[in-house]
Amino acid sequence: MKRNLVLSLSFALAATLATAAPAALATQASTSATTQGSPSQLVLANSQRILTTLEKRRAEFTKNRAALEQFVASEFNTMFDRDYAARQVLGRHGRGAADADVKLFADALADNLMRRYGSSLLDFNTQLRVRVKSETALPRGLGVKVSSEMLRAGGEPIPVDYLMRKSGDQWKVFDVMVEGVSFVQTFRQQFDNELTTKSIRQVAGELRQGQLQADAKR
């Protein structure tokens, strides 16, 4: 299974965490990892929910890519902390940047990713199971890391970690790590040269127009 496919699914899973229902919890989790409302519980509940939805609507999504894009975008927009994640991707280039410019970049990056990788969700075997291994605090009170695995028949487990922070009364995902490779670090490296010679607004515009592509396979 290619990393870009796993990353696509991980984005979609991450984006649904706010709508978890306790009844949807997978049975693999330990009691300590699934305290009601915890990040671990939300990861487990929504992993199964989105995989079930993809399977039930696979025929529809295969024929109607617009419906698939709408589904993925709505899920992604619900919970992924776009602006905070974008500031992490921008790194030194985002220091002192206006909130409006960061939002432009965040929206352009998210839309570019969904256009490129949203349809790849149809390539998944949705009989995957998700197992939460641990939930640990991040340094300096930045949030938590939920370490999980995607379990598939006939293959090695795929480690997927979600970095989450509390925003208001919701847990939001700001980074996804697939097999140890960070979404934030990947795109920070990719866009560093562009942002050295261009403004954030210019790079956001090129992402929006497809002149630049976010490459999750790096």
N, C-alpha and C. Protein backbone atom coordinates (compact mmCIF):
# COMPACT_ATOMS: atom_id res chain seq x y z
N MET A 1 0.84 -1.18 0.00
CA MET A 1 0.00 0.00 0.00
C MET A 1 0.88 1.24 0.00
N LYS A 2 0.73 2.10 -0.94
CA LYS A 2 1.59 3.26 -1.06
C LYS A 2 1.27 4.29 0.01
N ARG A 3 2.32 5.04 0.41
CA ARG A 3 2.15 6.01 1.50
C ARG A 3 1.11 7.06 1.15
N ASN A 4 1.06 7.48 -0.13
CA ASN A 4 0.10 8.53 -0.46
C ASN A 4 -1.34 8.06 -0.26
N LEU A 5 -1.60 6.77 -0.49
CA LEU A 5 -2.94 6.25 -0.26
C LEU A 5 -3.26 6.25 1.23
N VAL A 6 -2.31 5.79 2.04
CA VAL A 6 -2.53 5.78 3.47
C VAL A 6 -2.71 7.19 4.00
N LEU A 7 -1.91 8.13 3.48
CA LEU A 7 -2.02 9.51 3.91
C LEU A 7 -3.39 10.08 3.55
N SER A 8 -3.89 9.75 2.38
CA SER A 8 -5.21 10.22 1.96
C SER A 8 -6.28 9.74 2.94
N LEU A 9 -6.24 8.46 3.25
CA LEU A 9 -7.22 7.91 4.18
C LEU A 9 -7.04 8.52 5.56
N SER A 10 -5.80 8.72 5.96
CA SER A 10 -5.54 9.29 7.28
C SER A 10 -6.09 10.70 7.40
N PHE A 11 -5.94 11.50 6.33
CA PHE A 11 -6.52 12.85 6.33
C PHE A 11 -8.03 12.77 6.53
N ALA A 12 -8.66 11.88 5.77
CA ALA A 12 -10.11 11.76 5.87
C ALA A 12 -10.53 11.29 7.25
N LEU A 13 -9.78 10.32 7.80
CA LEU A 13 -10.10 9.86 9.15
C LEU A 13 -9.90 10.97 10.17
N ALA A 14 -8.81 11.68 10.03
CA ALA A 14 -8.50 12.74 10.98
C ALA A 14 -9.58 13.81 10.97
N ALA A 15 -10.16 14.03 9.81
CA ALA A 15 -11.12 15.12 9.67
C ALA A 15 -12.47 14.80 10.26
N THR A 16 -12.71 13.57 10.65
CA THR A 16 -14.03 13.19 11.15
C THR A 16 -14.07 13.03 12.66
N LEU A 17 -13.00 13.36 13.35
CA LEU A 17 -12.91 13.02 14.76
C LEU A 17 -13.96 13.72 15.62
N ALA A 18 -14.43 14.88 15.22
CA ALA A 18 -15.35 15.63 16.07
C ALA A 18 -16.73 15.00 16.14
N THR A 19 -17.05 14.09 15.24
CA THR A 19 -18.41 13.56 15.18
C THR A 19 -18.50 12.13 15.71
N ALA A 20 -17.55 11.72 16.54
CA ALA A 20 -17.53 10.34 17.02
C ALA A 20 -18.75 10.02 17.88
N ALA A 21 -19.19 8.76 17.76
CA ALA A 21 -20.25 8.26 18.64
C ALA A 21 -19.69 7.07 19.41
N PRO A 22 -19.87 6.99 20.72
CA PRO A 22 -19.30 5.90 21.50
C PRO A 22 -19.69 4.52 20.99
N ALA A 23 -20.89 4.38 20.43
CA ALA A 23 -21.33 3.06 19.97
C ALA A 23 -20.52 2.56 18.80
N ALA A 24 -19.81 3.44 18.13
CA ALA A 24 -19.04 3.03 16.96
C ALA A 24 -17.65 2.57 17.30
N LEU A 25 -17.29 2.53 18.58
CA LEU A 25 -15.92 2.19 18.94
C LEU A 25 -15.55 0.78 18.49
N ALA A 26 -14.31 0.66 17.96
CA ALA A 26 -13.79 -0.67 17.62
C ALA A 26 -13.46 -1.40 18.92
N THR A 27 -13.52 -2.73 18.87
CA THR A 27 -13.35 -3.51 20.08
C THR A 27 -11.90 -3.74 20.43
N GLN A 28 -10.96 -3.34 19.58
CA GLN A 28 -9.56 -3.61 19.85
C GLN A 28 -9.00 -2.74 20.96
N ALA A 29 -9.63 -1.61 21.27
CA ALA A 29 -9.03 -0.65 22.19
C ALA A 29 -9.15 -1.12 23.62
N SER A 30 -8.15 -0.77 24.43
CA SER A 30 -8.22 -1.05 25.85
C SER A 30 -9.09 0.00 26.52
N THR A 31 -9.57 -0.32 27.73
CA THR A 31 -10.42 0.62 28.43
C THR A 31 -9.70 1.93 28.70
N SER A 32 -8.42 1.85 29.05
CA SER A 32 -7.67 3.06 29.37
C SER A 32 -7.47 3.96 28.17
N ALA A 33 -7.49 3.40 26.98
CA ALA A 33 -7.25 4.19 25.77
C ALA A 33 -8.52 4.80 25.22
N THR A 34 -9.69 4.41 25.78
CA THR A 34 -10.94 4.85 25.16
C THR A 34 -11.86 5.54 26.15
N THR A 35 -11.30 6.31 27.05
CA THR A 35 -12.13 7.13 27.91
C THR A 35 -13.02 8.00 27.04
N GLN A 36 -14.30 8.07 27.38
CA GLN A 36 -15.25 8.77 26.52
C GLN A 36 -14.79 10.19 26.23
N GLY A 37 -14.75 10.56 24.94
CA GLY A 37 -14.35 11.88 24.53
C GLY A 37 -12.85 12.04 24.34
N SER A 38 -12.08 10.99 24.61
CA SER A 38 -10.63 11.11 24.47
C SER A 38 -10.23 11.08 23.00
N PRO A 39 -9.06 11.62 22.66
CA PRO A 39 -8.59 11.54 21.29
C PRO A 39 -8.53 10.11 20.76
N SER A 40 -8.10 9.16 21.59
CA SER A 40 -8.02 7.77 21.16
C SER A 40 -9.38 7.23 20.76
N GLN A 41 -10.38 7.55 21.56
CA GLN A 41 -11.73 7.08 21.26
C GLN A 41 -12.23 7.65 19.94
N LEU A 42 -11.93 8.91 19.72
CA LEU A 42 -12.39 9.55 18.49
C LEU A 42 -11.73 8.94 17.26
N VAL A 43 -10.45 8.64 17.37
CA VAL A 43 -9.74 8.01 16.25
C VAL A 43 -10.38 6.66 15.91
N LEU A 44 -10.63 5.86 16.92
CA LEU A 44 -11.19 4.53 16.68
C LEU A 44 -12.60 4.59 16.10
N ALA A 45 -13.44 5.41 16.69
CA ALA A 45 -14.83 5.47 16.27
C ALA A 45 -14.95 5.92 14.83
N ASN A 46 -14.23 6.95 14.47
CA ASN A 46 -14.40 7.51 13.14
C ASN A 46 -13.65 6.76 12.06
N SER A 47 -12.61 6.05 12.44
CA SER A 47 -11.94 5.18 11.48
C SER A 47 -12.93 4.18 10.90
N GLN A 48 -13.66 3.53 11.78
CA GLN A 48 -14.64 2.54 11.31
C GLN A 48 -15.77 3.21 10.54
N ARG A 49 -16.20 4.38 11.00
CA ARG A 49 -17.32 5.06 10.35
C ARG A 49 -17.00 5.43 8.92
N ILE A 50 -15.81 6.01 8.71
CA ILE A 50 -15.50 6.46 7.36
C ILE A 50 -15.21 5.29 6.43
N LEU A 51 -14.58 4.23 6.96
CA LEU A 51 -14.34 3.04 6.13
C LEU A 51 -15.67 2.40 5.72
N THR A 52 -16.62 2.36 6.64
CA THR A 52 -17.94 1.81 6.33
C THR A 52 -18.65 2.65 5.27
N THR A 53 -18.55 3.97 5.40
CA THR A 53 -19.17 4.87 4.42
C THR A 53 -18.57 4.69 3.04
N LEU A 54 -17.24 4.58 2.97
CA LEU A 54 -16.58 4.39 1.67
C LEU A 54 -17.04 3.09 1.01
N GLU A 55 -17.20 2.04 1.82
CA GLU A 55 -17.62 0.76 1.26
C GLU A 55 -19.07 0.83 0.78
N LYS A 56 -19.95 1.42 1.58
CA LYS A 56 -21.37 1.49 1.21
C LYS A 56 -21.60 2.34 -0.03
N ARG A 57 -20.78 3.39 -0.19
CA ARG A 57 -20.99 4.32 -1.29
C ARG A 57 -19.96 4.17 -2.40
N ARG A 58 -19.24 3.05 -2.39
CA ARG A 58 -18.16 2.87 -3.37
C ARG A 58 -18.68 2.97 -4.81
N ALA A 59 -19.78 2.31 -5.12
CA ALA A 59 -20.31 2.34 -6.48
C ALA A 59 -20.70 3.76 -6.86
N GLU A 60 -21.35 4.46 -5.94
CA GLU A 60 -21.74 5.85 -6.21
C GLU A 60 -20.52 6.72 -6.43
N PHE A 61 -19.52 6.60 -5.56
CA PHE A 61 -18.33 7.44 -5.66
C PHE A 61 -17.52 7.13 -6.92
N THR A 62 -17.55 5.86 -7.35
CA THR A 62 -16.81 5.48 -8.56
C THR A 62 -17.40 6.16 -9.79
N LYS A 63 -18.72 6.25 -9.83
CA LYS A 63 -19.39 6.88 -10.96
C LYS A 63 -19.43 8.40 -10.85
N ASN A 64 -19.47 8.89 -9.64
CA ASN A 64 -19.65 10.32 -9.41
C ASN A 64 -18.50 10.85 -8.56
N ARG A 65 -17.42 11.26 -9.20
CA ARG A 65 -16.25 11.76 -8.47
C ARG A 65 -16.56 13.06 -7.74
N ALA A 66 -17.51 13.84 -8.25
CA ALA A 66 -17.88 15.07 -7.57
C ALA A 66 -18.46 14.77 -6.19
N ALA A 67 -19.25 13.68 -6.10
CA ALA A 67 -19.82 13.29 -4.81
C ALA A 67 -18.72 12.84 -3.86
N LEU A 68 -17.73 12.14 -4.39
CA LEU A 68 -16.60 11.72 -3.57
C LEU A 68 -15.83 12.93 -3.06
N GLU A 69 -15.56 13.87 -3.96
CA GLU A 69 -14.82 15.07 -3.55
C GLU A 69 -15.58 15.85 -2.49
N GLN A 70 -16.89 15.92 -2.64
CA GLN A 70 -17.70 16.63 -1.66
C GLN A 70 -17.65 15.93 -0.30
N PHE A 71 -17.72 14.61 -0.33
CA PHE A 71 -17.64 13.82 0.91
C PHE A 71 -16.31 14.04 1.61
N VAL A 72 -15.22 13.91 0.85
CA VAL A 72 -13.89 14.05 1.44
C VAL A 72 -13.67 15.47 1.97
N ALA A 73 -14.07 16.45 1.17
CA ALA A 73 -13.88 17.85 1.58
C ALA A 73 -14.66 18.17 2.85
N SER A 74 -15.90 17.68 2.93
CA SER A 74 -16.72 17.99 4.10
C SER A 74 -16.15 17.35 5.35
N GLU A 75 -15.64 16.11 5.21
CA GLU A 75 -15.02 15.45 6.35
C GLU A 75 -13.74 16.15 6.76
N PHE A 76 -12.92 16.50 5.77
CA PHE A 76 -11.64 17.14 6.05
C PHE A 76 -11.83 18.49 6.73
N ASN A 77 -12.82 19.23 6.25
CA ASN A 77 -13.03 20.58 6.78
C ASN A 77 -13.56 20.58 8.21
N THR A 78 -14.17 19.47 8.60
CA THR A 78 -14.80 19.42 9.91
C THR A 78 -13.80 19.51 11.05
N MET A 79 -12.65 18.83 10.90
CA MET A 79 -11.82 18.65 12.07
C MET A 79 -10.34 18.97 11.90
N PHE A 80 -9.83 18.93 10.69
CA PHE A 80 -8.40 19.17 10.52
C PHE A 80 -8.11 20.65 10.79
N ASP A 81 -7.16 20.91 11.63
CA ASP A 81 -6.83 22.28 12.03
C ASP A 81 -5.96 22.91 10.95
N ARG A 82 -6.62 23.38 9.89
CA ARG A 82 -5.92 23.86 8.70
C ARG A 82 -4.91 24.95 9.01
N ASP A 83 -5.35 26.00 9.71
CA ASP A 83 -4.50 27.17 9.90
C ASP A 83 -3.29 26.86 10.78
N TYR A 84 -3.52 26.10 11.86
CA TYR A 84 -2.40 25.75 12.73
C TYR A 84 -1.42 24.85 12.00
N ALA A 85 -1.95 23.86 11.26
CA ALA A 85 -1.08 22.98 10.49
C ALA A 85 -0.31 23.77 9.44
N ALA A 86 -0.98 24.74 8.81
CA ALA A 86 -0.32 25.54 7.78
C ALA A 86 0.84 26.34 8.36
N ARG A 87 0.67 26.87 9.56
CA ARG A 87 1.77 27.61 10.19
C ARG A 87 2.95 26.68 10.47
N GLN A 88 2.66 25.42 10.82
CA GLN A 88 3.74 24.46 11.03
C GLN A 88 4.46 24.15 9.72
N VAL A 89 3.69 24.02 8.64
CA VAL A 89 4.29 23.76 7.32
C VAL A 89 5.12 24.97 6.88
N LEU A 90 4.61 26.16 7.08
CA LEU A 90 5.33 27.37 6.68
C LEU A 90 6.61 27.55 7.47
N GLY A 91 6.64 27.10 8.71
CA GLY A 91 7.84 27.18 9.52
C GLY A 91 8.34 28.61 9.64
N ARG A 92 9.62 28.82 9.34
CA ARG A 92 10.22 30.15 9.48
C ARG A 92 9.56 31.17 8.56
N HIS A 93 8.98 30.71 7.47
CA HIS A 93 8.34 31.64 6.53
C HIS A 93 7.03 32.19 7.09
N GLY A 94 6.48 31.50 8.07
CA GLY A 94 5.20 31.94 8.63
C GLY A 94 5.33 32.85 9.83
N ARG A 95 6.55 33.05 10.30
CA ARG A 95 6.74 33.91 11.47
C ARG A 95 6.36 35.35 11.14
N GLY A 96 5.40 35.85 11.87
CA GLY A 96 4.95 37.22 11.65
C GLY A 96 4.01 37.37 10.47
N ALA A 97 3.68 36.26 9.79
CA ALA A 97 2.79 36.35 8.63
C ALA A 97 1.37 36.69 9.07
N ALA A 98 0.66 37.42 8.24
CA ALA A 98 -0.72 37.78 8.54
C ALA A 98 -1.61 36.54 8.55
N ASP A 99 -2.59 36.54 9.44
CA ASP A 99 -3.51 35.41 9.52
C ASP A 99 -4.20 35.16 8.18
N ALA A 100 -4.51 36.23 7.45
CA ALA A 100 -5.20 36.09 6.16
C ALA A 100 -4.33 35.35 5.16
N ASP A 101 -3.02 35.63 5.16
CA ASP A 101 -2.11 34.96 4.24
C ASP A 101 -1.96 33.49 4.61
N VAL A 102 -1.88 33.21 5.90
CA VAL A 102 -1.77 31.82 6.35
C VAL A 102 -3.02 31.05 5.95
N LYS A 103 -4.19 31.68 6.09
CA LYS A 103 -5.44 31.01 5.71
C LYS A 103 -5.48 30.73 4.22
N LEU A 104 -5.02 31.66 3.40
CA LEU A 104 -4.96 31.42 1.96
C LEU A 104 -4.11 30.20 1.65
N PHE A 105 -2.95 30.13 2.29
CA PHE A 105 -2.06 28.99 2.07
C PHE A 105 -2.69 27.70 2.58
N ALA A 106 -3.29 27.75 3.77
CA ALA A 106 -3.91 26.56 4.36
C ALA A 106 -5.01 26.02 3.45
N ASP A 107 -5.88 26.89 2.96
CA ASP A 107 -6.98 26.46 2.10
C ASP A 107 -6.47 25.91 0.78
N ALA A 108 -5.47 26.57 0.21
CA ALA A 108 -4.93 26.13 -1.08
C ALA A 108 -4.25 24.77 -0.95
N LEU A 109 -3.49 24.57 0.15
CA LEU A 109 -2.82 23.30 0.37
C LEU A 109 -3.82 22.17 0.57
N ALA A 110 -4.84 22.41 1.40
CA ALA A 110 -5.85 21.39 1.66
C ALA A 110 -6.61 21.03 0.38
N ASP A 111 -7.00 22.02 -0.39
CA ASP A 111 -7.74 21.76 -1.62
C ASP A 111 -6.88 21.01 -2.64
N ASN A 112 -5.60 21.38 -2.72
CA ASN A 112 -4.70 20.70 -3.64
C ASN A 112 -4.54 19.24 -3.25
N LEU A 113 -4.40 18.97 -1.97
CA LEU A 113 -4.26 17.60 -1.50
C LEU A 113 -5.51 16.78 -1.80
N MET A 114 -6.66 17.35 -1.54
CA MET A 114 -7.88 16.61 -1.76
C MET A 114 -8.13 16.34 -3.25
N ARG A 115 -7.79 17.29 -4.10
CA ARG A 115 -7.93 17.07 -5.54
C ARG A 115 -7.02 15.94 -6.01
N ARG A 116 -5.81 15.92 -5.48
CA ARG A 116 -4.83 14.94 -5.94
C ARG A 116 -5.09 13.55 -5.38
N TYR A 117 -5.46 13.49 -4.11
CA TYR A 117 -5.49 12.20 -3.44
C TYR A 117 -6.87 11.73 -2.99
N GLY A 118 -7.86 12.58 -3.12
CA GLY A 118 -9.19 12.18 -2.68
C GLY A 118 -9.72 10.94 -3.39
N SER A 119 -9.52 10.89 -4.71
CA SER A 119 -10.04 9.75 -5.46
C SER A 119 -9.31 8.46 -5.14
N SER A 120 -8.09 8.55 -4.59
CA SER A 120 -7.33 7.34 -4.28
C SER A 120 -7.96 6.55 -3.14
N LEU A 121 -8.89 7.17 -2.40
CA LEU A 121 -9.58 6.44 -1.35
C LEU A 121 -10.34 5.24 -1.90
N LEU A 122 -10.74 5.33 -3.15
CA LEU A 122 -11.49 4.22 -3.75
C LEU A 122 -10.61 3.00 -3.98
N ASP A 123 -9.28 3.17 -3.89
CA ASP A 123 -8.37 2.05 -4.09
C ASP A 123 -8.18 1.24 -2.82
N PHE A 124 -8.74 1.68 -1.71
CA PHE A 124 -8.54 0.98 -0.45
C PHE A 124 -9.42 -0.24 -0.32
N ASN A 125 -8.84 -1.26 0.31
CA ASN A 125 -9.63 -2.37 0.81
C ASN A 125 -10.21 -1.91 2.15
N THR A 126 -11.49 -1.66 2.19
CA THR A 126 -12.08 -1.07 3.38
C THR A 126 -12.33 -2.09 4.49
N GLN A 127 -11.79 -3.30 4.33
CA GLN A 127 -11.85 -4.27 5.43
C GLN A 127 -10.71 -4.04 6.42
N LEU A 128 -10.02 -2.93 6.27
CA LEU A 128 -8.99 -2.55 7.23
C LEU A 128 -9.58 -2.41 8.63
N ARG A 129 -8.77 -2.69 9.63
CA ARG A 129 -9.13 -2.39 11.01
C ARG A 129 -8.10 -1.43 11.57
N VAL A 130 -8.52 -0.65 12.53
CA VAL A 130 -7.62 0.31 13.16
C VAL A 130 -7.47 -0.06 14.63
N ARG A 131 -6.23 -0.10 15.08
CA ARG A 131 -5.94 -0.41 16.48
C ARG A 131 -5.15 0.74 17.08
N VAL A 132 -5.64 1.27 18.19
CA VAL A 132 -4.90 2.30 18.91
C VAL A 132 -3.90 1.63 19.84
N LYS A 133 -2.65 2.08 19.75
CA LYS A 133 -1.59 1.51 20.58
C LYS A 133 -1.35 2.33 21.85
N SER A 134 -1.38 3.65 21.70
CA SER A 134 -1.11 4.48 22.87
C SER A 134 -1.58 5.90 22.62
N GLU A 135 -1.70 6.63 23.71
CA GLU A 135 -1.99 8.07 23.65
C GLU A 135 -1.04 8.75 24.62
N THR A 136 -0.17 9.59 24.10
CA THR A 136 0.85 10.21 24.93
C THR A 136 0.83 11.73 24.77
N ALA A 137 1.22 12.42 25.84
CA ALA A 137 1.26 13.88 25.82
C ALA A 137 2.44 14.36 24.99
N LEU A 138 2.23 15.40 24.22
CA LEU A 138 3.31 16.03 23.48
C LEU A 138 4.08 16.98 24.39
N PRO A 139 5.34 17.25 24.08
CA PRO A 139 6.13 18.17 24.92
C PRO A 139 5.50 19.56 24.97
N ARG A 140 5.79 20.27 26.05
CA ARG A 140 5.40 21.67 26.23
C ARG A 140 3.88 21.89 26.18
N GLY A 141 3.13 20.83 26.50
CA GLY A 141 1.68 20.96 26.54
C GLY A 141 1.04 21.24 25.20
N LEU A 142 1.68 20.80 24.10
CA LEU A 142 1.18 21.10 22.76
C LEU A 142 -0.01 20.24 22.35
N GLY A 143 -0.29 19.18 23.10
CA GLY A 143 -1.41 18.32 22.74
C GLY A 143 -1.07 16.87 23.02
N VAL A 144 -1.57 15.97 22.18
CA VAL A 144 -1.33 14.54 22.36
C VAL A 144 -0.99 13.89 21.03
N LYS A 145 -0.32 12.76 21.13
CA LYS A 145 -0.09 11.91 19.96
C LYS A 145 -0.83 10.60 20.16
N VAL A 146 -1.73 10.29 19.22
CA VAL A 146 -2.42 9.01 19.23
C VAL A 146 -1.71 8.10 18.24
N SER A 147 -1.07 7.07 18.75
CA SER A 147 -0.35 6.12 17.90
C SER A 147 -1.28 4.96 17.57
N SER A 148 -1.45 4.70 16.28
CA SER A 148 -2.35 3.64 15.84
C SER A 148 -1.71 2.80 14.76
N GLU A 149 -2.39 1.74 14.40
CA GLU A 149 -1.97 0.89 13.29
C GLU A 149 -3.16 0.57 12.41
N MET A 150 -2.94 0.54 11.11
CA MET A 150 -3.93 0.01 10.18
C MET A 150 -3.59 -1.46 9.96
N LEU A 151 -4.54 -2.31 10.29
CA LEU A 151 -4.34 -3.75 10.19
C LEU A 151 -5.02 -4.27 8.92
N ARG A 152 -4.27 -5.01 8.13
CA ARG A 152 -4.81 -5.54 6.88
C ARG A 152 -4.44 -7.01 6.76
N ALA A 153 -5.34 -7.79 6.16
CA ALA A 153 -5.09 -9.22 5.99
C ALA A 153 -3.92 -9.43 5.04
N GLY A 154 -3.00 -10.28 5.43
CA GLY A 154 -1.89 -10.64 4.55
C GLY A 154 -0.81 -9.59 4.42
N GLY A 155 -0.80 -8.61 5.29
CA GLY A 155 0.21 -7.56 5.21
C GLY A 155 0.63 -7.08 6.58
N GLU A 156 1.77 -6.45 6.62
CA GLU A 156 2.25 -5.89 7.88
C GLU A 156 1.39 -4.71 8.31
N PRO A 157 1.21 -4.52 9.61
CA PRO A 157 0.48 -3.33 10.08
C PRO A 157 1.17 -2.05 9.62
N ILE A 158 0.37 -1.02 9.34
CA ILE A 158 0.90 0.26 8.91
C ILE A 158 0.74 1.26 10.05
N PRO A 159 1.86 1.73 10.61
CA PRO A 159 1.74 2.69 11.72
C PRO A 159 1.28 4.07 11.25
N VAL A 160 0.27 4.60 11.92
CA VAL A 160 -0.24 5.94 11.62
C VAL A 160 -0.43 6.67 12.95
N ASP A 161 0.22 7.81 13.09
CA ASP A 161 0.10 8.62 14.29
C ASP A 161 -0.63 9.92 13.98
N TYR A 162 -1.50 10.33 14.90
CA TYR A 162 -2.22 11.59 14.77
C TYR A 162 -1.76 12.53 15.87
N LEU A 163 -1.29 13.71 15.51
CA LEU A 163 -0.96 14.73 16.49
C LEU A 163 -2.16 15.66 16.61
N MET A 164 -2.62 15.84 17.85
CA MET A 164 -3.88 16.55 18.07
C MET A 164 -3.71 17.59 19.16
N ARG A 165 -4.48 18.67 19.03
CA ARG A 165 -4.46 19.73 20.03
C ARG A 165 -5.90 20.15 20.34
N LYS A 166 -6.08 20.67 21.53
CA LYS A 166 -7.42 21.12 21.95
C LYS A 166 -7.64 22.53 21.43
N SER A 167 -8.73 22.71 20.71
CA SER A 167 -9.12 24.02 20.22
C SER A 167 -10.55 24.26 20.66
N GLY A 168 -10.72 25.13 21.63
CA GLY A 168 -12.05 25.27 22.23
C GLY A 168 -12.39 24.00 22.97
N ASP A 169 -13.54 23.39 22.64
CA ASP A 169 -13.93 22.15 23.30
C ASP A 169 -13.76 20.95 22.39
N GLN A 170 -12.98 21.09 21.31
CA GLN A 170 -12.78 20.00 20.36
C GLN A 170 -11.30 19.66 20.23
N TRP A 171 -11.04 18.38 20.01
CA TRP A 171 -9.71 17.94 19.63
C TRP A 171 -9.58 18.05 18.12
N LYS A 172 -8.49 18.68 17.68
CA LYS A 172 -8.27 18.84 16.25
C LYS A 172 -6.91 18.26 15.86
N VAL A 173 -6.86 17.68 14.69
CA VAL A 173 -5.62 17.09 14.18
C VAL A 173 -4.83 18.15 13.43
N PHE A 174 -3.53 18.23 13.72
CA PHE A 174 -2.70 19.18 12.99
C PHE A 174 -1.53 18.51 12.27
N ASP A 175 -1.32 17.23 12.50
CA ASP A 175 -0.28 16.51 11.76
C ASP A 175 -0.64 15.04 11.73
N VAL A 176 -0.30 14.39 10.64
CA VAL A 176 -0.48 12.95 10.48
C VAL A 176 0.87 12.36 10.09
N MET A 177 1.26 11.28 10.77
CA MET A 177 2.53 10.63 10.48
C MET A 177 2.25 9.20 10.03
N VAL A 178 2.64 8.89 8.80
CA VAL A 178 2.45 7.56 8.23
C VAL A 178 3.82 6.90 8.12
N GLU A 179 3.98 5.77 8.80
CA GLU A 179 5.27 5.06 8.83
C GLU A 179 6.39 6.01 9.25
N GLY A 180 6.07 6.88 10.20
CA GLY A 180 7.06 7.80 10.74
C GLY A 180 7.30 9.05 9.92
N VAL A 181 6.64 9.18 8.77
CA VAL A 181 6.82 10.34 7.90
C VAL A 181 5.72 11.36 8.18
N SER A 182 6.13 12.56 8.55
CA SER A 182 5.20 13.60 8.99
C SER A 182 4.68 14.42 7.81
N PHE A 183 3.36 14.65 7.79
CA PHE A 183 2.72 15.54 6.83
C PHE A 183 3.36 16.93 6.91
N VAL A 184 3.50 17.46 8.12
CA VAL A 184 4.06 18.80 8.29
C VAL A 184 5.49 18.88 7.78
N GLN A 185 6.33 17.94 8.19
CA GLN A 185 7.73 17.97 7.77
C GLN A 185 7.88 17.77 6.27
N THR A 186 7.06 16.89 5.70
CA THR A 186 7.13 16.63 4.26
C THR A 186 6.88 17.90 3.46
N PHE A 187 5.82 18.62 3.81
CA PHE A 187 5.46 19.80 3.03
C PHE A 187 6.30 21.02 3.41
N ARG A 188 6.81 21.05 4.64
CA ARG A 188 7.74 22.13 4.99
C ARG A 188 8.98 22.05 4.11
N GLN A 189 9.50 20.85 3.92
CA GLN A 189 10.68 20.68 3.07
C GLN A 189 10.35 20.96 1.61
N GLN A 190 9.17 20.52 1.18
CA GLN A 190 8.80 20.70 -0.22
C GLN A 190 8.68 22.16 -0.61
N PHE A 191 8.09 22.96 0.27
CA PHE A 191 7.79 24.35 -0.09
C PHE A 191 8.83 25.36 0.38
N ASP A 192 9.87 24.90 1.04
CA ASP A 192 10.86 25.83 1.59
C ASP A 192 11.51 26.68 0.50
N ASN A 193 11.94 26.05 -0.59
CA ASN A 193 12.59 26.81 -1.66
C ASN A 193 11.62 27.81 -2.30
N GLU A 194 10.39 27.37 -2.54
CA GLU A 194 9.40 28.27 -3.15
C GLU A 194 9.15 29.48 -2.26
N LEU A 195 9.04 29.24 -0.95
CA LEU A 195 8.73 30.33 -0.03
C LEU A 195 9.93 31.24 0.23
N THR A 196 11.11 30.77 -0.13
CA THR A 196 12.31 31.61 0.00
C THR A 196 12.31 32.72 -1.04
N THR A 197 11.74 32.44 -2.20
CA THR A 197 11.79 33.40 -3.31
C THR A 197 10.43 34.03 -3.62
N LYS A 198 9.35 33.51 -3.01
CA LYS A 198 8.02 34.01 -3.30
C LYS A 198 7.27 34.29 -2.01
N SER A 199 6.26 35.12 -2.09
CA SER A 199 5.43 35.39 -0.93
C SER A 199 4.48 34.22 -0.66
N ILE A 200 3.94 34.18 0.54
CA ILE A 200 2.97 33.14 0.89
C ILE A 200 1.78 33.21 -0.05
N ARG A 201 1.33 34.42 -0.36
CA ARG A 201 0.19 34.58 -1.27
C ARG A 201 0.50 34.03 -2.66
N GLN A 202 1.72 34.25 -3.15
CA GLN A 202 2.10 33.74 -4.47
C GLN A 202 2.08 32.22 -4.49
N VAL A 203 2.67 31.61 -3.47
CA VAL A 203 2.71 30.16 -3.41
C VAL A 203 1.29 29.60 -3.28
N ALA A 204 0.44 30.23 -2.47
CA ALA A 204 -0.95 29.79 -2.34
C ALA A 204 -1.66 29.87 -3.68
N GLY A 205 -1.43 30.94 -4.44
CA GLY A 205 -2.05 31.09 -5.75
C GLY A 205 -1.61 30.01 -6.71
N GLU A 206 -0.33 29.66 -6.68
CA GLU A 206 0.17 28.61 -7.58
C GLU A 206 -0.37 27.24 -7.20
N LEU A 207 -0.54 27.00 -5.91
CA LEU A 207 -1.18 25.76 -5.47
C LEU A 207 -2.62 25.70 -5.95
N ARG A 208 -3.32 26.80 -5.81
CA ARG A 208 -4.72 26.87 -6.19
C ARG A 208 -4.90 26.63 -7.69
N GLN A 209 -3.98 27.17 -8.48
CA GLN A 209 -4.07 27.06 -9.94
C GLN A 209 -3.46 25.76 -10.49
N GLY A 210 -2.86 24.96 -9.60
CA GLY A 210 -2.27 23.71 -10.05
C GLY A 210 -0.87 23.86 -10.62
N GLN A 211 -0.28 25.06 -10.52
CA GLN A 211 1.09 25.25 -10.99
C GLN A 211 2.09 24.59 -10.04
N LEU A 212 1.72 24.47 -8.78
CA LEU A 212 2.46 23.71 -7.79
C LEU A 212 1.57 22.58 -7.32
N GLN A 213 2.19 21.43 -6.99
CA GLN A 213 1.42 20.30 -6.49
C GLN A 213 2.00 19.85 -5.16
N ALA A 214 1.12 19.61 -4.19
CA ALA A 214 1.54 19.04 -2.91
C ALA A 214 1.79 17.56 -3.14
N ASP A 215 3.01 17.13 -2.87
CA ASP A 215 3.40 15.75 -3.16
C ASP A 215 3.55 14.98 -1.85
N ALA A 216 2.54 14.17 -1.54
CA ALA A 216 2.54 13.41 -0.29
C ALA A 216 3.44 12.18 -0.35
N LYS A 217 4.08 11.91 -1.47
CA LYS A 217 4.88 10.68 -1.61
C LYS A 217 6.33 10.89 -1.23
N ARG A 218 6.73 12.09 -0.88
CA ARG A 218 8.12 12.35 -0.56
C ARG A 218 8.52 11.66 0.73
